[in-house]
Amino acid sequence: MSVIGPRPERPIFAGELSEKIPFYEIRHVIKTGLTSWAQVKTRYDVSAEDHLRKLQYDLYCIEKRSIFLDLRILVKTLSAILFFKG
């Protein structure tokens, strides 16, 4: 597990989501992480649309992966922790 990367999904839900959402398995190409772009940009997922939105953020993060994006995610995560936004 790394610090930055897609949050791991419970295996039961990952199997269901892989069947329902195209390209869901691509998010497993990189190591899972403690925080992610999807986590700092969206709320807790409750519906299939929320999972799709998080997948879009995860795919964006995989495509645009850089140290600057990682730093931005860390700053947003720390901000959410310090100011009780999350």
PDB file of N, CA and C in Angstrom:
ATOM      1  N   MET A   1       0.851  -1.171   0.000  1.00  0.00           N
ATOM      2  CA  MET A   1       0.000   0.000   0.000  1.00  0.00           C
ATOM      3  C   MET A   1       0.897   1.235   0.000  1.00  0.00           C
ATOM      4  N   SER A   2       0.478   2.239  -0.749  1.00  0.00           N
ATOM      5  CA  SER A   2       1.224   3.496  -0.788  1.00  0.00           C
ATOM      6  C   SER A   2       0.407   4.584  -0.103  1.00  0.00           C
ATOM      7  N   VAL A   3       0.952   5.774  -0.041  1.00  0.00           N
ATOM      8  CA  VAL A   3       0.231   6.886   0.573  1.00  0.00           C
ATOM      9  C   VAL A   3      -0.828   7.414  -0.387  1.00  0.00           C
ATOM     10  N   ILE A   4      -0.457   7.583  -1.659  1.00  0.00           N
ATOM     11  CA  ILE A   4      -1.376   8.111  -2.666  1.00  0.00           C
ATOM     12  C   ILE A   4      -1.724   7.003  -3.648  1.00  0.00           C
ATOM     13  N   GLY A   5      -3.002   6.808  -3.888  1.00  0.00           N
ATOM     14  CA  GLY A   5      -3.476   5.804  -4.836  1.00  0.00           C
ATOM     15  C   GLY A   5      -4.949   5.553  -4.606  1.00  0.00           C
ATOM     16  N   PRO A   6      -5.595   4.855  -5.500  1.00  0.00           N
ATOM     17  CA  PRO A   6      -7.024   4.575  -5.333  1.00  0.00           C
ATOM     18  C   PRO A   6      -7.273   3.830  -4.024  1.00  0.00           C
ATOM     19  N   ARG A   7      -8.295   4.241  -3.310  1.00  0.00           N
ATOM     20  CA  ARG A   7      -8.630   3.560  -2.056  1.00  0.00           C
ATOM     21  C   ARG A   7      -9.071   2.134  -2.366  1.00  0.00           C
ATOM     22  N   PRO A   8      -8.637   1.178  -1.550  1.00  0.00           N
ATOM     23  CA  PRO A   8      -9.055  -0.209  -1.797  1.00  0.00           C
ATOM     24  C   PRO A   8     -10.545  -0.379  -1.529  1.00  0.00           C
ATOM     25  N   GLU A   9     -11.170  -1.183  -2.329  1.00  0.00           N
ATOM     26  CA  GLU A   9     -12.601  -1.485  -2.174  1.00  0.00           C
ATOM     27  C   GLU A   9     -12.726  -2.869  -1.571  1.00  0.00           C
ATOM     28  N   ARG A  10     -13.753  -3.077  -0.782  1.00  0.00           N
ATOM     29  CA  ARG A  10     -13.974  -4.399  -0.209  1.00  0.00           C
ATOM     30  C   ARG A  10     -14.189  -5.402  -1.346  1.00  0.00           C
ATOM     31  N   PRO A  11     -13.597  -6.601  -1.232  1.00  0.00           N
ATOM     32  CA  PRO A  11     -13.653  -7.584  -2.329  1.00  0.00           C
ATOM     33  C   PRO A  11     -15.071  -7.907  -2.805  1.00  0.00           C
ATOM     34  N   ILE A  12     -16.022  -7.940  -1.909  1.00  0.00           N
ATOM     35  CA  ILE A  12     -17.406  -8.243  -2.301  1.00  0.00           C
ATOM     36  C   ILE A  12     -17.924  -7.169  -3.255  1.00  0.00           C
ATOM     37  N   PHE A  13     -17.688  -5.902  -2.902  1.00  0.00           N
ATOM     38  CA  PHE A  13     -18.172  -4.810  -3.738  1.00  0.00           C
ATOM     39  C   PHE A  13     -17.351  -4.671  -5.012  1.00  0.00           C
ATOM     40  N   ALA A  14     -16.052  -4.948  -4.937  1.00  0.00           N
ATOM     41  CA  ALA A  14     -15.197  -4.828  -6.122  1.00  0.00           C
ATOM     42  C   ALA A  14     -15.657  -5.781  -7.216  1.00  0.00           C
ATOM     43  N   GLY A  15     -16.042  -6.989  -6.843  1.00  0.00           N
ATOM     44  CA  GLY A  15     -16.541  -7.946  -7.833  1.00  0.00           C
ATOM     45  C   GLY A  15     -17.817  -7.473  -8.489  1.00  0.00           C
ATOM     46  N   GLU A  16     -18.742  -6.961  -7.686  1.00  0.00           N
ATOM     47  CA  GLU A  16     -20.010  -6.451  -8.228  1.00  0.00           C
ATOM     48  C   GLU A  16     -19.773  -5.237  -9.121  1.00  0.00           C
ATOM     49  N   LEU A  17     -18.917  -4.327  -8.671  1.00  0.00           N
ATOM     50  CA  LEU A  17     -18.662  -3.119  -9.454  1.00  0.00           C
ATOM     51  C   LEU A  17     -17.946  -3.433 -10.762  1.00  0.00           C
ATOM     52  N   SER A  18     -17.080  -4.432 -10.753  1.00  0.00           N
ATOM     53  CA  SER A  18     -16.382  -4.826 -11.982  1.00  0.00           C
ATOM     54  C   SER A  18     -17.357  -5.321 -13.037  1.00  0.00           C
ATOM     55  N   GLU A  19     -18.430  -5.971 -12.589  1.00  0.00           N
ATOM     56  CA  GLU A  19     -19.438  -6.460 -13.526  1.00  0.00           C
ATOM     57  C   GLU A  19     -20.318  -5.326 -14.057  1.00  0.00           C
ATOM     58  N   LYS A  20     -20.598  -4.332 -13.226  1.00  0.00           N
ATOM     59  CA  LYS A  20     -21.524  -3.260 -13.588  1.00  0.00           C
ATOM     60  C   LYS A  20     -20.864  -2.095 -14.328  1.00  0.00           C
ATOM     61  N   ILE A  21     -19.621  -1.765 -13.951  1.00  0.00           N
ATOM     62  CA  ILE A  21     -18.976  -0.562 -14.479  1.00  0.00           C
ATOM     63  C   ILE A  21     -17.817  -0.960 -15.391  1.00  0.00           C
ATOM     64  N   PRO A  22     -17.864  -0.550 -16.667  1.00  0.00           N
ATOM     65  CA  PRO A  22     -16.760  -0.863 -17.581  1.00  0.00           C
ATOM     66  C   PRO A  22     -15.464  -0.196 -17.108  1.00  0.00           C
ATOM     67  N   PHE A  23     -14.338  -0.845 -17.311  1.00  0.00           N
ATOM     68  CA  PHE A  23     -13.008  -0.338 -16.989  1.00  0.00           C
ATOM     69  C   PHE A  23     -12.740  -0.205 -15.490  1.00  0.00           C
ATOM     70  N   TYR A  24     -13.583  -0.788 -14.649  1.00  0.00           N
ATOM     71  CA  TYR A  24     -13.385  -0.671 -13.209  1.00  0.00           C
ATOM     72  C   TYR A  24     -12.077  -1.318 -12.772  1.00  0.00           C
ATOM     73  N   GLU A  25     -11.680  -2.393 -13.436  1.00  0.00           N
ATOM     74  CA  GLU A  25     -10.465  -3.118 -13.056  1.00  0.00           C
ATOM     75  C   GLU A  25      -9.198  -2.302 -13.304  1.00  0.00           C
ATOM     76  N   ILE A  26      -9.254  -1.296 -14.166  1.00  0.00           N
ATOM     77  CA  ILE A  26      -8.065  -0.496 -14.470  1.00  0.00           C
ATOM     78  C   ILE A  26      -7.556   0.227 -13.231  1.00  0.00           C
ATOM     79  N   ARG A  27      -8.432   0.543 -12.304  1.00  0.00           N
ATOM     80  CA  ARG A  27      -7.995   1.259 -11.101  1.00  0.00           C
ATOM     81  C   ARG A  27      -7.067   0.424 -10.239  1.00  0.00           C
ATOM     82  N   HIS A  28      -7.005  -0.878 -10.501  1.00  0.00           N
ATOM     83  CA  HIS A  28      -6.119  -1.758  -9.736  1.00  0.00           C
ATOM     84  C   HIS A  28      -4.740  -1.891 -10.362  1.00  0.00           C
ATOM     85  N   VAL A  29      -4.465  -1.107 -11.401  1.00  0.00           N
ATOM     86  CA  VAL A  29      -3.167  -1.160 -12.077  1.00  0.00           C
ATOM     87  C   VAL A  29      -2.062  -0.632 -11.153  1.00  0.00           C
ATOM     88  N   ILE A  30      -2.362   0.386 -10.357  1.00  0.00           N
ATOM     89  CA  ILE A  30      -1.370   0.927  -9.435  1.00  0.00           C
ATOM     90  C   ILE A  30      -1.716   0.512  -8.006  1.00  0.00           C
ATOM     91  N   LYS A  31      -0.758   0.670  -7.107  1.00  0.00           N
ATOM     92  CA  LYS A  31      -0.965   0.291  -5.710  1.00  0.00           C
ATOM     93  C   LYS A  31      -2.091   1.109  -5.093  1.00  0.00           C
ATOM     94  N   THR A  32      -2.821   0.478  -4.209  1.00  0.00           N
ATOM     95  CA  THR A  32      -3.839   1.211  -3.479  1.00  0.00           C
ATOM     96  C   THR A  32      -3.164   2.143  -2.487  1.00  0.00           C
ATOM     97  N   GLY A  33      -3.907   3.141  -2.022  1.00  0.00           N
ATOM     98  CA  GLY A  33      -3.318   4.130  -1.131  1.00  0.00           C
ATOM     99  C   GLY A  33      -4.220   4.516   0.017  1.00  0.00           C
ATOM    100  N   LEU A  34      -3.661   5.295   0.916  1.00  0.00           N
ATOM    101  CA  LEU A  34      -4.410   5.775   2.068  1.00  0.00           C
ATOM    102  C   LEU A  34      -5.343   6.923   1.699  1.00  0.00           C
ATOM    103  N   THR A  35      -4.957   7.699   0.699  1.00  0.00           N
ATOM    104  CA  THR A  35      -5.790   8.804   0.234  1.00  0.00           C
ATOM    105  C   THR A  35      -5.697   8.880  -1.280  1.00  0.00           C
ATOM    106  N   SER A  36      -6.677   9.522  -1.886  1.00  0.00           N
ATOM    107  CA  SER A  36      -6.699   9.596  -3.347  1.00  0.00           C
ATOM    108  C   SER A  36      -7.415  10.858  -3.801  1.00  0.00           C
ATOM    109  N   TRP A  37      -7.284  11.150  -5.080  1.00  0.00           N
ATOM    110  CA  TRP A  37      -7.964  12.300  -5.676  1.00  0.00           C
ATOM    111  C   TRP A  37      -9.475  12.123  -5.552  1.00  0.00           C
ATOM    112  N   ALA A  38      -9.942  10.906  -5.768  1.00  0.00           N
ATOM    113  CA  ALA A  38     -11.378  10.635  -5.652  1.00  0.00           C
ATOM    114  C   ALA A  38     -11.870  10.862  -4.231  1.00  0.00           C
ATOM    115  N   GLN A  39     -11.051  10.539  -3.263  1.00  0.00           N
ATOM    116  CA  GLN A  39     -11.463  10.701  -1.874  1.00  0.00           C
ATOM    117  C   GLN A  39     -11.579  12.168  -1.484  1.00  0.00           C
ATOM    118  N   VAL A  40     -10.668  13.003  -1.956  1.00  0.00           N
ATOM    119  CA  VAL A  40     -10.716  14.415  -1.565  1.00  0.00           C
ATOM    120  C   VAL A  40     -11.688  15.234  -2.411  1.00  0.00           C
ATOM    121  N   LYS A  41     -12.105  14.691  -3.547  1.00  0.00           N
ATOM    122  CA  LYS A  41     -13.002  15.442  -4.436  1.00  0.00           C
ATOM    123  C   LYS A  41     -14.474  15.051  -4.323  1.00  0.00           C
ATOM    124  N   THR A  42     -14.780  13.900  -3.721  1.00  0.00           N
ATOM    125  CA  THR A  42     -16.172  13.444  -3.657  1.00  0.00           C
ATOM    126  C   THR A  42     -16.555  13.091  -2.231  1.00  0.00           C
ATOM    127  N   ARG A  43     -17.826  12.844  -2.050  1.00  0.00           N
ATOM    128  CA  ARG A  43     -18.307  12.414  -0.736  1.00  0.00           C
ATOM    129  C   ARG A  43     -18.317  10.886  -0.681  1.00  0.00           C
ATOM    130  N   TYR A  44     -18.778  10.351   0.400  1.00  0.00           N
ATOM    131  CA  TYR A  44     -18.847   8.898   0.567  1.00  0.00           C
ATOM    132  C   TYR A  44     -19.799   8.321  -0.470  1.00  0.00           C
ATOM    133  N   ASP A  45     -19.394   7.230  -1.118  1.00  0.00           N
ATOM    134  CA  ASP A  45     -20.208   6.668  -2.196  1.00  0.00           C
ATOM    135  C   ASP A  45     -21.319   5.780  -1.648  1.00  0.00           C
ATOM    136  N   VAL A  46     -22.517   6.021  -2.164  1.00  0.00           N
ATOM    137  CA  VAL A  46     -23.672   5.230  -1.758  1.00  0.00           C
ATOM    138  C   VAL A  46     -24.395   4.619  -2.949  1.00  0.00           C
ATOM    139  N   SER A  47     -24.172   5.149  -4.131  1.00  0.00           N
ATOM    140  CA  SER A  47     -24.884   4.646  -5.304  1.00  0.00           C
ATOM    141  C   SER A  47     -23.890   4.269  -6.404  1.00  0.00           C
ATOM    142  N   ALA A  48     -24.404   3.656  -7.435  1.00  0.00           N
ATOM    143  CA  ALA A  48     -23.561   3.276  -8.576  1.00  0.00           C
ATOM    144  C   ALA A  48     -22.990   4.514  -9.267  1.00  0.00           C
ATOM    145  N   GLU A  49     -23.747   5.595  -9.285  1.00  0.00           N
ATOM    146  CA  GLU A  49     -23.263   6.839  -9.889  1.00  0.00           C
ATOM    147  C   GLU A  49     -22.079   7.395  -9.108  1.00  0.00           C
ATOM    148  N   ASP A  50     -22.131   7.274  -7.773  1.00  0.00           N
ATOM    149  CA  ASP A  50     -21.014   7.731  -6.948  1.00  0.00           C
ATOM    150  C   ASP A  50     -19.765   6.911  -7.225  1.00  0.00           C
ATOM    151  N   HIS A  51     -19.910   5.614  -7.383  1.00  0.00           N
ATOM    152  CA  HIS A  51     -18.769   4.754  -7.700  1.00  0.00           C
ATOM    153  C   HIS A  51     -18.210   5.096  -9.075  1.00  0.00           C
ATOM    154  N   LEU A  52     -19.074   5.398 -10.021  1.00  0.00           N
ATOM    155  CA  LEU A  52     -18.625   5.777 -11.354  1.00  0.00           C
ATOM    156  C   LEU A  52     -17.846   7.092 -11.293  1.00  0.00           C
ATOM    157  N   ARG A  53     -18.323   8.059 -10.525  1.00  0.00           N
ATOM    158  CA  ARG A  53     -17.646   9.342 -10.379  1.00  0.00           C
ATOM    159  C   ARG A  53     -16.257   9.120  -9.752  1.00  0.00           C
ATOM    160  N   LYS A  54     -16.186   8.276  -8.724  1.00  0.00           N
ATOM    161  CA  LYS A  54     -14.898   7.997  -8.095  1.00  0.00           C
ATOM    162  C   LYS A  54     -13.953   7.292  -9.070  1.00  0.00           C
ATOM    163  N   LEU A  55     -14.493   6.402  -9.881  1.00  0.00           N
ATOM    164  CA  LEU A  55     -13.677   5.735 -10.881  1.00  0.00           C
ATOM    165  C   LEU A  55     -13.102   6.754 -11.866  1.00  0.00           C
ATOM    166  N   GLN A  56     -13.899   7.727 -12.259  1.00  0.00           N
ATOM    167  CA  GLN A  56     -13.422   8.762 -13.175  1.00  0.00           C
ATOM    168  C   GLN A  56     -12.266   9.546 -12.547  1.00  0.00           C
ATOM    169  N   TYR A  57     -12.377   9.886 -11.280  1.00  0.00           N
ATOM    170  CA  TYR A  57     -11.287  10.579 -10.592  1.00  0.00           C
ATOM    171  C   TYR A  57     -10.050   9.684 -10.476  1.00  0.00           C
ATOM    172  N   ASP A  58     -10.251   8.400 -10.183  1.00  0.00           N
ATOM    173  CA  ASP A  58      -9.119   7.475 -10.084  1.00  0.00           C
ATOM    174  C   ASP A  58      -8.408   7.331 -11.424  1.00  0.00           C
ATOM    175  N   LEU A  59      -9.168   7.230 -12.507  1.00  0.00           N
ATOM    176  CA  LEU A  59      -8.564   7.108 -13.835  1.00  0.00           C
ATOM    177  C   LEU A  59      -7.820   8.385 -14.218  1.00  0.00           C
ATOM    178  N   TYR A  60      -8.380   9.535 -13.837  1.00  0.00           N
ATOM    179  CA  TYR A  60      -7.691  10.804 -14.079  1.00  0.00           C
ATOM    180  C   TYR A  60      -6.355  10.817 -13.336  1.00  0.00           C
ATOM    181  N   CYS A  61      -6.371  10.382 -12.095  1.00  0.00           N
ATOM    182  CA  CYS A  61      -5.161  10.357 -11.269  1.00  0.00           C
ATOM    183  C   CYS A  61      -4.119   9.407 -11.849  1.00  0.00           C
ATOM    184  N   ILE A  62      -4.549   8.277 -12.363  1.00  0.00           N
ATOM    185  CA  ILE A  62      -3.619   7.327 -12.975  1.00  0.00           C
ATOM    186  C   ILE A  62      -3.019   7.930 -14.241  1.00  0.00           C
ATOM    187  N   GLU A  63      -3.849   8.588 -15.045  1.00  0.00           N
ATOM    188  CA  GLU A  63      -3.385   9.174 -16.301  1.00  0.00           C
ATOM    189  C   GLU A  63      -2.434  10.349 -16.072  1.00  0.00           C
ATOM    190  N   LYS A  64      -2.753  11.218 -15.120  1.00  0.00           N
ATOM    191  CA  LYS A  64      -1.984  12.442 -14.887  1.00  0.00           C
ATOM    192  C   LYS A  64      -1.003  12.311 -13.721  1.00  0.00           C
ATOM    193  N   ARG A  65      -0.641  11.113 -13.375  1.00  0.00           N
ATOM    194  CA  ARG A  65       0.186  10.849 -12.206  1.00  0.00           C
ATOM    195  C   ARG A  65       1.484  11.653 -12.235  1.00  0.00           C
ATOM    196  N   SER A  66       1.714  12.422 -11.167  1.00  0.00           N
ATOM    197  CA  SER A  66       2.937  13.207 -11.037  1.00  0.00           C
ATOM    198  C   SER A  66       3.146  13.556  -9.562  1.00  0.00           C
ATOM    199  N   ILE A  67       4.323  14.012  -9.252  1.00  0.00           N
ATOM    200  CA  ILE A  67       4.619  14.410  -7.878  1.00  0.00           C
ATOM    201  C   ILE A  67       3.777  15.622  -7.479  1.00  0.00           C
ATOM    202  N   PHE A  68       3.480  16.493  -8.429  1.00  0.00           N
ATOM    203  CA  PHE A  68       2.685  17.680  -8.133  1.00  0.00           C
ATOM    204  C   PHE A  68       1.242  17.314  -7.783  1.00  0.00           C
ATOM    205  N   LEU A  69       0.679  16.364  -8.500  1.00  0.00           N
ATOM    206  CA  LEU A  69      -0.672  15.904  -8.179  1.00  0.00           C
ATOM    207  C   LEU A  69      -0.679  15.201  -6.825  1.00  0.00           C
ATOM    208  N   ASP A  70       0.357  14.414  -6.541  1.00  0.00           N
ATOM    209  CA  ASP A  70       0.456  13.756  -5.245  1.00  0.00           C
ATOM    210  C   ASP A  70       0.529  14.777  -4.112  1.00  0.00           C
ATOM    211  N   LEU A  71       1.321  15.815  -4.298  1.00  0.00           N
ATOM    212  CA  LEU A  71       1.411  16.875  -3.282  1.00  0.00           C
ATOM    213  C   LEU A  71       0.079  17.591  -3.097  1.00  0.00           C
ATOM    214  N   ARG A  72      -0.609  17.832  -4.189  1.00  0.00           N
ATOM    215  CA  ARG A  72      -1.918  18.485  -4.109  1.00  0.00           C
ATOM    216  C   ARG A  72      -2.914  17.613  -3.331  1.00  0.00           C
ATOM    217  N   ILE A  73      -2.886  16.324  -3.579  1.00  0.00           N
ATOM    218  CA  ILE A  73      -3.763  15.400  -2.858  1.00  0.00           C
ATOM    219  C   ILE A  73      -3.416  15.394  -1.369  1.00  0.00           C
ATOM    220  N   LEU A  74      -2.125  15.392  -1.048  1.00  0.00           N
ATOM    221  CA  LEU A  74      -1.715  15.418   0.353  1.00  0.00           C
ATOM    222  C   LEU A  74      -2.171  16.696   1.050  1.00  0.00           C
ATOM    223  N   VAL A  75      -2.031  17.834   0.378  1.00  0.00           N
ATOM    224  CA  VAL A  75      -2.454  19.110   0.958  1.00  0.00           C
ATOM    225  C   VAL A  75      -3.959  19.108   1.191  1.00  0.00           C
ATOM    226  N   LYS A  76      -4.733  18.643   0.221  1.00  0.00           N
ATOM    227  CA  LYS A  76      -6.193  18.590   0.378  1.00  0.00           C
ATOM    228  C   LYS A  76      -6.594  17.621   1.489  1.00  0.00           C
ATOM    229  N   THR A  77      -5.878  16.502   1.606  1.00  0.00           N
ATOM    230  CA  THR A  77      -6.173  15.535   2.658  1.00  0.00           C
ATOM    231  C   THR A  77      -5.887  16.128   4.029  1.00  0.00           C
ATOM    232  N   LEU A  78      -4.723  16.748   4.182  1.00  0.00           N
ATOM    233  CA  LEU A  78      -4.378  17.376   5.463  1.00  0.00           C
ATOM    234  C   LEU A  78      -5.335  18.509   5.807  1.00  0.00           C
ATOM    235  N   SER A  79      -5.753  19.256   4.812  1.00  0.00           N
ATOM    236  CA  SER A  79      -6.730  20.328   5.024  1.00  0.00           C
ATOM    237  C   SER A  79      -8.049  19.763   5.530  1.00  0.00           C
ATOM    238  N   ALA A  80      -8.485  18.677   4.939  1.00  0.00           N
ATOM    239  CA  ALA A  80      -9.735  18.052   5.365  1.00  0.00           C
ATOM    240  C   ALA A  80      -9.635  17.536   6.795  1.00  0.00           C
ATOM    241  N   ILE A  81      -8.472  17.020   7.158  1.00  0.00           N
ATOM    242  CA  ILE A  81      -8.286  16.508   8.527  1.00  0.00           C
ATOM    243  C   ILE A  81      -8.240  17.654   9.532  1.00  0.00           C
ATOM    244  N   LEU A  82      -7.447  18.680   9.220  1.00  0.00           N
ATOM    245  CA  LEU A  82      -7.263  19.786  10.161  1.00  0.00           C
ATOM    246  C   LEU A  82      -8.505  20.641  10.351  1.00  0.00           C
ATOM    247  N   PHE A  83      -9.273  20.821   9.291  1.00  0.00           N
ATOM    248  CA  PHE A  83     -10.449  21.682   9.355  1.00  0.00           C
ATOM    249  C   PHE A  83     -11.761  20.907   9.418  1.00  0.00           C
ATOM    250  N   PHE A  84     -11.680  19.607   9.702  1.00  0.00           N
ATOM    251  CA  PHE A  84     -12.856  18.739   9.877  1.00  0.00           C
ATOM    252  C   PHE A  84     -13.827  18.794   8.701  1.00  0.00           C
ATOM    253  N   LYS A  85     -13.281  18.781   7.488  1.00  0.00           N
ATOM    254  CA  LYS A  85     -14.121  18.837   6.290  1.00  0.00           C
ATOM    255  C   LYS A  85     -14.549  17.463   5.819  1.00  0.00           C
ATOM    256  N   GLY A  86     -13.961  16.405   6.316  1.00  0.00           N
ATOM    257  CA  GLY A  86     -14.235  15.087   5.754  1.00  0.00           C
ATOM    258  C   GLY A  86     -14.806  14.111   6.670  1.00  0.00           C
TER     259      GLY A  86
END
